[in-house]
């Protein structure tokens, strides 16, 4: 809760959080944003590289800003982001102009 209240993003490789009800309830109650770095046998340097690449040019920040917490995002080894749990898009879609 202290981290989420500061607006910080939690970065982890602990994918079991999805299966642990008490942990899932804790991040949901704290309205936390969790980024899970995915990939087999990633070193700390590999994870740092992925995070820095996702953060470059505001890509990660923009992705998070367009969604409402709580959310769990996956950052894949290819650098792709996708929403796993929560993270409903903020606002509605624009209607086409006639």
PDB file of N, CA and C in Angstrom:
ATOM      1  N   UNK A   1       0.801  -1.220   0.000  1.00  0.00           N
ATOM      2  CA  UNK A   1       0.000   0.000   0.000  1.00  0.00           C
ATOM      3  C   UNK A   1       0.841   1.281   0.000  1.00  0.00           C
ATOM      4  N   UNK A   2       1.972   1.260   0.719  1.00  0.00           N
ATOM      5  CA  UNK A   2       2.815   2.459   0.772  1.00  0.00           C
ATOM      6  C   UNK A   2       3.387   2.791  -0.603  1.00  0.00           C
ATOM      7  N   UNK A   3       3.795   1.790  -1.334  1.00  0.00           N
ATOM      8  CA  UNK A   3       4.356   2.008  -2.674  1.00  0.00           C
ATOM      9  C   UNK A   3       3.270   2.517  -3.618  1.00  0.00           C
ATOM     10  N   UNK A   4       2.117   1.876  -3.613  1.00  0.00           N
ATOM     11  CA  UNK A   4       1.023   2.274  -4.502  1.00  0.00           C
ATOM     12  C   UNK A   4       0.526   3.681  -4.176  1.00  0.00           C
ATOM     13  N   UNK A   5       0.502   4.037  -2.898  1.00  0.00           N
ATOM     14  CA  UNK A   5       0.007   5.368  -2.519  1.00  0.00           C
ATOM     15  C   UNK A   5       0.918   6.473  -3.048  1.00  0.00           C
ATOM     16  N   UNK A   6       2.174   6.160  -3.307  1.00  0.00           N
ATOM     17  CA  UNK A   6       3.110   7.137  -3.881  1.00  0.00           C
ATOM     18  C   UNK A   6       3.008   7.203  -5.401  1.00  0.00           C
ATOM     19  N   UNK A   7       2.199   6.313  -5.982  1.00  0.00           N
ATOM     20  CA  UNK A   7       2.065   6.271  -7.429  1.00  0.00           C
ATOM     21  C   UNK A   7       3.189   5.498  -8.107  1.00  0.00           C
ATOM     22  N   UNK A   8       3.969   4.782  -7.323  1.00  0.00           N
ATOM     23  CA  UNK A   8       5.062   3.996  -7.876  1.00  0.00           C
ATOM     24  C   UNK A   8       4.528   2.703  -8.471  1.00  0.00           C
ATOM     25  N   UNK A   9       5.275   2.158  -9.401  1.00  0.00           N
ATOM     26  CA  UNK A   9       4.936   0.896 -10.050  1.00  0.00           C
ATOM     27  C   UNK A   9       5.760  -0.209  -9.402  1.00  0.00           C
ATOM     28  N   UNK A  10       5.113  -1.331  -9.115  1.00  0.00           N
ATOM     29  CA  UNK A  10       5.793  -2.490  -8.542  1.00  0.00           C
ATOM     30  C   UNK A  10       6.244  -3.379  -9.690  1.00  0.00           C
ATOM     31  N   UNK A  11       7.528  -3.727  -9.699  1.00  0.00           N
ATOM     32  CA  UNK A  11       8.088  -4.599 -10.735  1.00  0.00           C
ATOM     33  C   UNK A  11       8.466  -5.919 -10.075  1.00  0.00           C
ATOM     34  N   UNK A  12       8.038  -7.024 -10.688  1.00  0.00           N
ATOM     35  CA  UNK A  12       8.298  -8.338 -10.108  1.00  0.00           C
ATOM     36  C   UNK A  12       8.393  -9.391 -11.199  1.00  0.00           C
ATOM     37  N   UNK A  13       8.906 -10.541 -10.814  1.00  0.00           N
ATOM     38  CA  UNK A  13       8.864 -11.733 -11.676  1.00  0.00           C
ATOM     39  C   UNK A  13       7.997 -12.794 -11.016  1.00  0.00           C
ATOM     40  N   UNK A  14       7.382 -12.480  -9.900  1.00  0.00           N
ATOM     41  CA  UNK A  14       6.583 -13.433  -9.125  1.00  0.00           C
ATOM     42  C   UNK A  14       5.198 -13.582  -9.756  1.00  0.00           C
ATOM     43  N   UNK A  15       5.077 -14.532 -10.687  1.00  0.00           N
ATOM     44  CA  UNK A  15       3.808 -14.727 -11.385  1.00  0.00           C
ATOM     45  C   UNK A  15       2.760 -15.412 -10.523  1.00  0.00           C
ATOM     46  N   UNK A  16       3.166 -15.990  -9.409  1.00  0.00           N
ATOM     47  CA  UNK A  16       2.230 -16.696  -8.535  1.00  0.00           C
ATOM     48  C   UNK A  16       1.272 -15.739  -7.830  1.00  0.00           C
ATOM     49  N   UNK A  17       1.530 -14.438  -7.891  1.00  0.00           N
ATOM     50  CA  UNK A  17       0.643 -13.459  -7.255  1.00  0.00           C
ATOM     51  C   UNK A  17      -0.797 -13.632  -7.768  1.00  0.00           C
ATOM     52  N   UNK A  18      -0.925 -14.044  -9.018  1.00  0.00           N
ATOM     53  CA  UNK A  18      -2.268 -14.240  -9.582  1.00  0.00           C
ATOM     54  C   UNK A  18      -3.009 -15.373  -8.902  1.00  0.00           C
ATOM     55  N   UNK A  19      -2.284 -16.355  -8.358  1.00  0.00           N
ATOM     56  CA  UNK A  19      -2.915 -17.520  -7.739  1.00  0.00           C
ATOM     57  C   UNK A  19      -3.065 -17.387  -6.234  1.00  0.00           C
ATOM     58  N   UNK A  20      -2.477 -16.381  -5.642  1.00  0.00           N
ATOM     59  CA  UNK A  20      -2.528 -16.205  -4.192  1.00  0.00           C
ATOM     60  C   UNK A  20      -3.581 -15.156  -3.843  1.00  0.00           C
ATOM     61  N   UNK A  21      -4.730 -15.598  -3.345  1.00  0.00           N
ATOM     62  CA  UNK A  21      -5.824 -14.654  -3.082  1.00  0.00           C
ATOM     63  C   UNK A  21      -5.437 -13.519  -2.141  1.00  0.00           C
ATOM     64  N   UNK A  22      -4.654 -13.805  -1.100  1.00  0.00           N
ATOM     65  CA  UNK A  22      -4.310 -12.739  -0.162  1.00  0.00           C
ATOM     66  C   UNK A  22      -3.424 -11.678  -0.822  1.00  0.00           C
ATOM     67  N   UNK A  23      -2.502 -12.075  -1.696  1.00  0.00           N
ATOM     68  CA  UNK A  23      -1.667 -11.108  -2.401  1.00  0.00           C
ATOM     69  C   UNK A  23      -2.481 -10.344  -3.439  1.00  0.00           C
ATOM     70  N   UNK A  24      -3.347 -11.054  -4.143  1.00  0.00           N
ATOM     71  CA  UNK A  24      -4.195 -10.408  -5.151  1.00  0.00           C
ATOM     72  C   UNK A  24      -5.111  -9.386  -4.489  1.00  0.00           C
ATOM     73  N   UNK A  25      -5.685  -9.748  -3.337  1.00  0.00           N
ATOM     74  CA  UNK A  25      -6.544  -8.816  -2.601  1.00  0.00           C
ATOM     75  C   UNK A  25      -5.761  -7.597  -2.130  1.00  0.00           C
ATOM     76  N   UNK A  26      -4.508  -7.812  -1.717  1.00  0.00           N
ATOM     77  CA  UNK A  26      -3.674  -6.709  -1.226  1.00  0.00           C
ATOM     78  C   UNK A  26      -3.372  -5.714  -2.337  1.00  0.00           C
ATOM     79  N   UNK A  27      -2.973  -6.184  -3.536  1.00  0.00           N
ATOM     80  CA  UNK A  27      -2.674  -5.223  -4.594  1.00  0.00           C
ATOM     81  C   UNK A  27      -3.937  -4.543  -5.089  1.00  0.00           C
ATOM     82  N   UNK A  28      -5.058  -5.262  -5.076  1.00  0.00           N
ATOM     83  CA  UNK A  28      -6.318  -4.643  -5.509  1.00  0.00           C
ATOM     84  C   UNK A  28      -6.760  -3.568  -4.524  1.00  0.00           C
ATOM     85  N   UNK A  29      -6.682  -3.860  -3.226  1.00  0.00           N
ATOM     86  CA  UNK A  29      -7.080  -2.880  -2.206  1.00  0.00           C
ATOM     87  C   UNK A  29      -6.167  -1.662  -2.232  1.00  0.00           C
ATOM     88  N   UNK A  30      -4.888  -1.865  -2.533  1.00  0.00           N
ATOM     89  CA  UNK A  30      -3.936  -0.754  -2.576  1.00  0.00           C
ATOM     90  C   UNK A  30      -4.013   0.004  -3.904  1.00  0.00           C
ATOM     91  N   UNK A  31      -4.782  -0.525  -4.856  1.00  0.00           N
ATOM     92  CA  UNK A  31      -4.889   0.057  -6.194  1.00  0.00           C
ATOM     93  C   UNK A  31      -3.504   0.188  -6.834  1.00  0.00           C
ATOM     94  N   UNK A  32      -2.757  -0.900  -6.748  1.00  0.00           N
ATOM     95  CA  UNK A  32      -1.376  -0.930  -7.221  1.00  0.00           C
ATOM     96  C   UNK A  32      -1.295  -1.231  -8.713  1.00  0.00           C
ATOM     97  N   UNK A  33      -0.225  -0.755  -9.299  1.00  0.00           N
ATOM     98  CA  UNK A  33       0.145  -1.111 -10.663  1.00  0.00           C
ATOM     99  C   UNK A  33       1.352  -2.025 -10.565  1.00  0.00           C
ATOM    100  N   UNK A  34       1.209  -3.236 -11.094  1.00  0.00           N
ATOM    101  CA  UNK A  34       2.262  -4.243 -11.023  1.00  0.00           C
ATOM    102  C   UNK A  34       2.696  -4.584 -12.447  1.00  0.00           C
ATOM    103  N   UNK A  35       3.992  -4.515 -12.696  1.00  0.00           N
ATOM    104  CA  UNK A  35       4.551  -4.933 -13.982  1.00  0.00           C
ATOM    105  C   UNK A  35       5.318  -6.222 -13.741  1.00  0.00           C
ATOM    106  N   UNK A  36       4.878  -7.280 -14.407  1.00  0.00           N
ATOM    107  CA  UNK A  36       5.559  -8.562 -14.297  1.00  0.00           C
ATOM    108  C   UNK A  36       6.425  -8.759 -15.526  1.00  0.00           C
ATOM    109  N   UNK A  37       7.704  -8.941 -15.291  1.00  0.00           N
ATOM    110  CA  UNK A  37       8.656  -9.150 -16.377  1.00  0.00           C
ATOM    111  C   UNK A  37       8.657 -10.641 -16.694  1.00  0.00           C
ATOM    112  N   UNK A  38       8.328 -10.965 -17.934  1.00  0.00           N
ATOM    113  CA  UNK A  38       8.198 -12.362 -18.344  1.00  0.00           C
ATOM    114  C   UNK A  38       9.370 -12.766 -19.212  1.00  0.00           C
ATOM    115  N   UNK A  39       9.745 -14.008 -19.099  1.00  0.00           N
ATOM    116  CA  UNK A  39      10.798 -14.555 -19.935  1.00  0.00           C
ATOM    117  C   UNK A  39      11.601 -15.573 -19.160  1.00  0.00           C
ATOM    118  N   UNK A  40      11.998 -16.619 -19.843  1.00  0.00           N
ATOM    119  CA  UNK A  40      12.783 -17.676 -19.207  1.00  0.00           C
ATOM    120  C   UNK A  40      14.226 -17.237 -19.016  1.00  0.00           C
ATOM    121  N   UNK A  41      14.707 -17.480 -17.830  1.00  0.00           N
ATOM    122  CA  UNK A  41      16.123 -17.288 -17.512  1.00  0.00           C
ATOM    123  C   UNK A  41      16.648 -15.897 -17.822  1.00  0.00           C
ATOM    124  N   UNK A  42      15.857 -14.888 -17.513  1.00  0.00           N
ATOM    125  CA  UNK A  42      16.324 -13.523 -17.705  1.00  0.00           C
ATOM    126  C   UNK A  42      17.241 -13.133 -16.557  1.00  0.00           C
ATOM    127  N   UNK A  43      18.370 -12.563 -16.885  1.00  0.00           N
ATOM    128  CA  UNK A  43      19.270 -12.064 -15.854  1.00  0.00           C
ATOM    129  C   UNK A  43      18.748 -10.704 -15.374  1.00  0.00           C
ATOM    130  N   UNK A  44      19.312 -10.215 -14.307  1.00  0.00           N
ATOM    131  CA  UNK A  44      18.945  -8.892 -13.809  1.00  0.00           C
ATOM    132  C   UNK A  44      19.226  -7.839 -14.879  1.00  0.00           C
ATOM    133  N   UNK A  45      20.318  -8.001 -15.604  1.00  0.00           N
ATOM    134  CA  UNK A  45      20.649  -7.062 -16.679  1.00  0.00           C
ATOM    135  C   UNK A  45      19.620  -7.115 -17.794  1.00  0.00           C
ATOM    136  N   UNK A  46      19.165  -8.325 -18.146  1.00  0.00           N
ATOM    137  CA  UNK A  46      18.135  -8.472 -19.180  1.00  0.00           C
ATOM    138  C   UNK A  46      16.843  -7.782 -18.758  1.00  0.00           C
ATOM    139  N   UNK A  47      16.450  -7.984 -17.493  1.00  0.00           N
ATOM    140  CA  UNK A  47      15.219  -7.356 -16.998  1.00  0.00           C
ATOM    141  C   UNK A  47      15.354  -5.843 -17.006  1.00  0.00           C
ATOM    142  N   UNK A  48      16.500  -5.341 -16.583  1.00  0.00           N
ATOM    143  CA  UNK A  48      16.729  -3.894 -16.590  1.00  0.00           C
ATOM    144  C   UNK A  48      16.650  -3.351 -18.007  1.00  0.00           C
ATOM    145  N   UNK A  49      17.238  -4.064 -18.964  1.00  0.00           N
ATOM    146  CA  UNK A  49      17.196  -3.637 -20.360  1.00  0.00           C
ATOM    147  C   UNK A  49      15.758  -3.574 -20.873  1.00  0.00           C
ATOM    148  N   UNK A  50      14.956  -4.603 -20.546  1.00  0.00           N
ATOM    149  CA  UNK A  50      13.551  -4.621 -20.972  1.00  0.00           C
ATOM    150  C   UNK A  50      12.778  -3.446 -20.379  1.00  0.00           C
ATOM    151  N   UNK A  51      12.976  -3.204 -19.083  1.00  0.00           N
ATOM    152  CA  UNK A  51      12.271  -2.104 -18.428  1.00  0.00           C
ATOM    153  C   UNK A  51      12.686  -0.750 -18.995  1.00  0.00           C
ATOM    154  N   UNK A  52      13.974  -0.562 -19.214  1.00  0.00           N
ATOM    155  CA  UNK A  52      14.439   0.706 -19.769  1.00  0.00           C
ATOM    156  C   UNK A  52      13.923   0.910 -21.192  1.00  0.00           C
ATOM    157  N   UNK A  53      13.884  -0.160 -21.980  1.00  0.00           N
ATOM    158  CA  UNK A  53      13.353  -0.048 -23.340  1.00  0.00           C
ATOM    159  C   UNK A  53      11.864   0.278 -23.317  1.00  0.00           C
ATOM    160  N   UNK A  54      11.118  -0.335 -22.399  1.00  0.00           N
ATOM    161  CA  UNK A  54       9.682  -0.050 -22.289  1.00  0.00           C
ATOM    162  C   UNK A  54       9.437   1.357 -21.784  1.00  0.00           C
ATOM    163  N   UNK A  55      10.349   1.862 -20.979  1.00  0.00           N
ATOM    164  CA  UNK A  55      10.224   3.209 -20.415  1.00  0.00           C
ATOM    165  C   UNK A  55      10.657   4.287 -21.416  1.00  0.00           C
ATOM    166  N   UNK A  56      11.475   3.913 -22.383  1.00  0.00           N
ATOM    167  CA  UNK A  56      11.985   4.871 -23.369  1.00  0.00           C
ATOM    168  C   UNK A  56      10.837   5.564 -24.096  1.00  0.00           C
ATOM    169  N   UNK A  57      11.008   6.838 -24.279  1.00  0.00           N
ATOM    170  CA  UNK A  57      10.032   7.660 -25.010  1.00  0.00           C
ATOM    171  C   UNK A  57       8.648   7.641 -24.369  1.00  0.00           C
ATOM    172  N   UNK A  58       8.561   7.285 -23.090  1.00  0.00           N
ATOM    173  CA  UNK A  58       7.293   7.334 -22.365  1.00  0.00           C
ATOM    174  C   UNK A  58       6.327   6.209 -22.677  1.00  0.00           C
ATOM    175  N   UNK A  59       6.774   5.160 -23.367  1.00  0.00           N
ATOM    176  CA  UNK A  59       5.856   4.087 -23.784  1.00  0.00           C
ATOM    177  C   UNK A  59       5.181   3.415 -22.597  1.00  0.00           C
ATOM    178  N   UNK A  60       5.955   3.028 -21.583  1.00  0.00           N
ATOM    179  CA  UNK A  60       5.382   2.374 -20.405  1.00  0.00           C
ATOM    180  C   UNK A  60       4.492   3.349 -19.641  1.00  0.00           C
ATOM    181  N   UNK A  61       4.961   4.558 -19.452  1.00  0.00           N
ATOM    182  CA  UNK A  61       4.171   5.568 -18.736  1.00  0.00           C
ATOM    183  C   UNK A  61       2.843   5.841 -19.438  1.00  0.00           C
ATOM    184  N   UNK A  62       2.872   5.963 -20.759  1.00  0.00           N
ATOM    185  CA  UNK A  62       1.641   6.210 -21.513  1.00  0.00           C
ATOM    186  C   UNK A  62       0.679   5.032 -21.411  1.00  0.00           C
ATOM    187  N   UNK A  63       1.212   3.837 -21.485  1.00  0.00           N
ATOM    188  CA  UNK A  63       0.378   2.636 -21.381  1.00  0.00           C
ATOM    189  C   UNK A  63      -0.332   2.613 -20.032  1.00  0.00           C
ATOM    190  N   UNK A  64       0.419   2.895 -18.972  1.00  0.00           N
ATOM    191  CA  UNK A  64      -0.152   2.903 -17.620  1.00  0.00           C
ATOM    192  C   UNK A  64      -1.149   4.042 -17.460  1.00  0.00           C
ATOM    193  N   UNK A  65      -0.832   5.212 -17.991  1.00  0.00           N
ATOM    194  CA  UNK A  65      -1.703   6.385 -17.836  1.00  0.00           C
ATOM    195  C   UNK A  65      -3.064   6.198 -18.489  1.00  0.00           C
ATOM    196  N   UNK A  66      -3.137   5.349 -19.495  1.00  0.00           N
ATOM    197  CA  UNK A  66      -4.405   5.121 -20.198  1.00  0.00           C
ATOM    198  C   UNK A  66      -5.297   4.113 -19.497  1.00  0.00           C
ATOM    199  N   UNK A  67      -4.818   3.561 -18.378  1.00  0.00           N
ATOM    200  CA  UNK A  67      -5.566   2.529 -17.665  1.00  0.00           C
ATOM    201  C   UNK A  67      -5.716   2.886 -16.199  1.00  0.00           C
ATOM    202  N   UNK A  68      -6.793   2.395 -15.597  1.00  0.00           N
ATOM    203  CA  UNK A  68      -7.067   2.675 -14.186  1.00  0.00           C
ATOM    204  C   UNK A  68      -6.569   1.533 -13.311  1.00  0.00           C
ATOM    205  N   UNK A  69      -5.876   1.874 -12.229  1.00  0.00           N
ATOM    206  CA  UNK A  69      -5.447   0.824 -11.300  1.00  0.00           C
ATOM    207  C   UNK A  69      -6.635   0.283 -10.523  1.00  0.00           C
ATOM    208  N   UNK A  70      -6.515  -0.881  -9.941  1.00  0.00           N
ATOM    209  CA  UNK A  70      -5.354  -1.763  -9.904  1.00  0.00           C
ATOM    210  C   UNK A  70      -5.193  -2.513 -11.214  1.00  0.00           C
ATOM    211  N   UNK A  71      -3.928  -2.897 -11.491  1.00  0.00           N
ATOM    212  CA  UNK A  71      -3.673  -3.650 -12.716  1.00  0.00           C
ATOM    213  C   UNK A  71      -2.381  -4.443 -12.602  1.00  0.00           C
ATOM    214  N   UNK A  72      -2.360  -5.547 -13.326  1.00  0.00           N
ATOM    215  CA  UNK A  72      -1.143  -6.312 -13.515  1.00  0.00           C
ATOM    216  C   UNK A  72      -0.870  -6.302 -15.013  1.00  0.00           C
ATOM    217  N   UNK A  73       0.316  -5.817 -15.359  1.00  0.00           N
ATOM    218  CA  UNK A  73       0.751  -5.772 -16.748  1.00  0.00           C
ATOM    219  C   UNK A  73       1.875  -6.771 -16.941  1.00  0.00           C
ATOM    220  N   UNK A  74       1.897  -7.391 -18.099  1.00  0.00           N
ATOM    221  CA  UNK A  74       2.999  -8.284 -18.460  1.00  0.00           C
ATOM    222  C   UNK A  74       3.902  -7.540 -19.434  1.00  0.00           C
ATOM    223  N   UNK A  75       5.207  -7.631 -19.175  1.00  0.00           N
ATOM    224  CA  UNK A  75       6.214  -7.122 -20.095  1.00  0.00           C
ATOM    225  C   UNK A  75       6.975  -8.334 -20.596  1.00  0.00           C
ATOM    226  N   UNK A  76       6.762  -8.658 -21.862  1.00  0.00           N
ATOM    227  CA  UNK A  76       7.360  -9.858 -22.432  1.00  0.00           C
ATOM    228  C   UNK A  76       8.800  -9.640 -22.872  1.00  0.00           C
ATOM    229  N   UNK A  77       9.504 -10.728 -23.138  1.00  0.00           N
ATOM    230  CA  UNK A  77      10.899 -10.637 -23.558  1.00  0.00           C
ATOM    231  C   UNK A  77      11.073  -9.909 -24.891  1.00  0.00           C
ATOM    232  N   UNK A  78       9.990  -9.807 -25.662  1.00  0.00           N
ATOM    233  CA  UNK A  78      10.028  -9.069 -26.920  1.00  0.00           C
ATOM    234  C   UNK A  78       9.727  -7.588 -26.724  1.00  0.00           C
ATOM    235  N   UNK A  79       9.499  -7.186 -25.451  1.00  0.00           N
ATOM    236  CA  UNK A  79       9.226  -5.784 -25.146  1.00  0.00           C
ATOM    237  C   UNK A  79       7.756  -5.396 -25.228  1.00  0.00           C
ATOM    238  N   UNK A  80       6.895  -6.354 -25.575  1.00  0.00           N
ATOM    239  CA  UNK A  80       5.473  -6.061 -25.692  1.00  0.00           C
ATOM    240  C   UNK A  80       4.820  -5.983 -24.315  1.00  0.00           C
ATOM    241  N   UNK A  81       3.917  -5.033 -24.153  1.00  0.00           N
ATOM    242  CA  UNK A  81       3.137  -4.866 -22.930  1.00  0.00           C
ATOM    243  C   UNK A  81       1.723  -5.329 -23.179  1.00  0.00           C
ATOM    244  N   UNK A  82       1.152  -6.003 -22.207  1.00  0.00           N
ATOM    245  CA  UNK A  82      -0.276  -6.268 -22.274  1.00  0.00           C
ATOM    246  C   UNK A  82      -0.840  -6.375 -20.861  1.00  0.00           C
ATOM    247  N   UNK A  83      -2.106  -6.053 -20.757  1.00  0.00           N
ATOM    248  CA  UNK A  83      -2.796  -6.055 -19.477  1.00  0.00           C
ATOM    249  C   UNK A  83      -3.250  -7.466 -19.164  1.00  0.00           C
ATOM    250  N   UNK A  84      -2.869  -7.959 -17.989  1.00  0.00           N
ATOM    251  CA  UNK A  84      -3.255  -9.304 -17.582  1.00  0.00           C
ATOM    252  C   UNK A  84      -4.497  -9.270 -16.698  1.00  0.00           C
ATOM    253  N   UNK A  85      -4.493  -8.434 -15.680  1.00  0.00           N
ATOM    254  CA  UNK A  85      -5.639  -8.301 -14.776  1.00  0.00           C
ATOM    255  C   UNK A  85      -5.892  -6.827 -14.500  1.00  0.00           C
ATOM    256  N   UNK A  86      -7.172  -6.460 -14.400  1.00  0.00           N
ATOM    257  CA  UNK A  86      -7.522  -5.076 -14.089  1.00  0.00           C
ATOM    258  C   UNK A  86      -7.149  -4.155 -15.232  1.00  0.00           C
ATOM    259  N   UNK A  87      -6.811  -2.914 -14.881  1.00  0.00           N
ATOM    260  CA  UNK A  87      -6.345  -1.961 -15.873  1.00  0.00           C
ATOM    261  C   UNK A  87      -7.356  -1.587 -16.927  1.00  0.00           C
ATOM    262  N   UNK A  88      -8.599  -1.388 -16.496  1.00  0.00           N
ATOM    263  CA  UNK A  88      -9.621  -0.963 -17.460  1.00  0.00           C
ATOM    264  C   UNK A  88      -9.203   0.365 -18.079  1.00  0.00           C
ATOM    265  N   UNK A  89      -9.476   0.529 -19.351  1.00  0.00           N
ATOM    266  CA  UNK A  89      -9.105   1.770 -20.031  1.00  0.00           C
ATOM    267  C   UNK A  89      -9.869   2.948 -19.430  1.00  0.00           C
ATOM    268  N   UNK A  90      -9.170   4.047 -19.289  1.00  0.00           N
ATOM    269  CA  UNK A  90      -9.788   5.275 -18.774  1.00  0.00           C
ATOM    270  C   UNK A  90     -10.593   5.926 -19.881  1.00  0.00           C
ATOM    271  N   UNK A  91     -11.739   6.496 -19.520  1.00  0.00           N
ATOM    272  CA  UNK A  91     -12.543   7.206 -20.492  1.00  0.00           C
ATOM    273  C   UNK A  91     -13.139   6.294 -21.536  1.00  0.00           C
ATOM    274  N   UNK A  92     -13.953   6.865 -22.360  1.00  0.00           N
ATOM    275  CA  UNK A  92     -14.587   6.083 -23.418  1.00  0.00           C
ATOM    276  C   UNK A  92     -13.892   6.256 -24.738  1.00  0.00           C
ATOM    277  N   UNK A  93     -14.298   5.472 -25.664  1.00  0.00           N
ATOM    278  CA  UNK A  93     -13.763   5.597 -27.019  1.00  0.00           C
ATOM    279  C   UNK A  93     -14.430   6.799 -27.675  1.00  0.00           C
ATOM    280  N   UNK A  94     -13.673   7.479 -28.523  1.00  0.00           N
ATOM    281  CA  UNK A  94     -14.237   8.627 -29.233  1.00  0.00           C
ATOM    282  C   UNK A  94     -15.211   8.117 -30.279  1.00  0.00           C
ATOM    283  N   UNK A  95     -16.320   8.833 -30.381  1.00  0.00           N
ATOM    284  CA  UNK A  95     -17.300   8.483 -31.408  1.00  0.00           C
ATOM    285  C   UNK A  95     -16.856   9.075 -32.731  1.00  0.00           C
ATOM    286  N   UNK A  96     -17.076   8.352 -33.810  1.00  0.00           N
ATOM    287  CA  UNK A  96     -16.693   8.907 -35.124  1.00  0.00           C
ATOM    288  C   UNK A  96     -17.501  10.155 -35.446  1.00  0.00           C
ATOM    289  N   UNK A  97     -16.830  11.136 -36.021  1.00  0.00           N
ATOM    290  CA  UNK A  97     -17.530  12.365 -36.403  1.00  0.00           C
ATOM    291  C   UNK A  97     -18.212  12.157 -37.732  1.00  0.00           C
ATOM    292  N   UNK A  98     -19.366  12.772 -37.872  1.00  0.00           N
ATOM    293  CA  UNK A  98     -20.139  12.637 -39.123  1.00  0.00           C
ATOM    294  C   UNK A  98     -20.007  13.860 -39.954  1.00  0.00           C
TER     295      UNK A  98
END
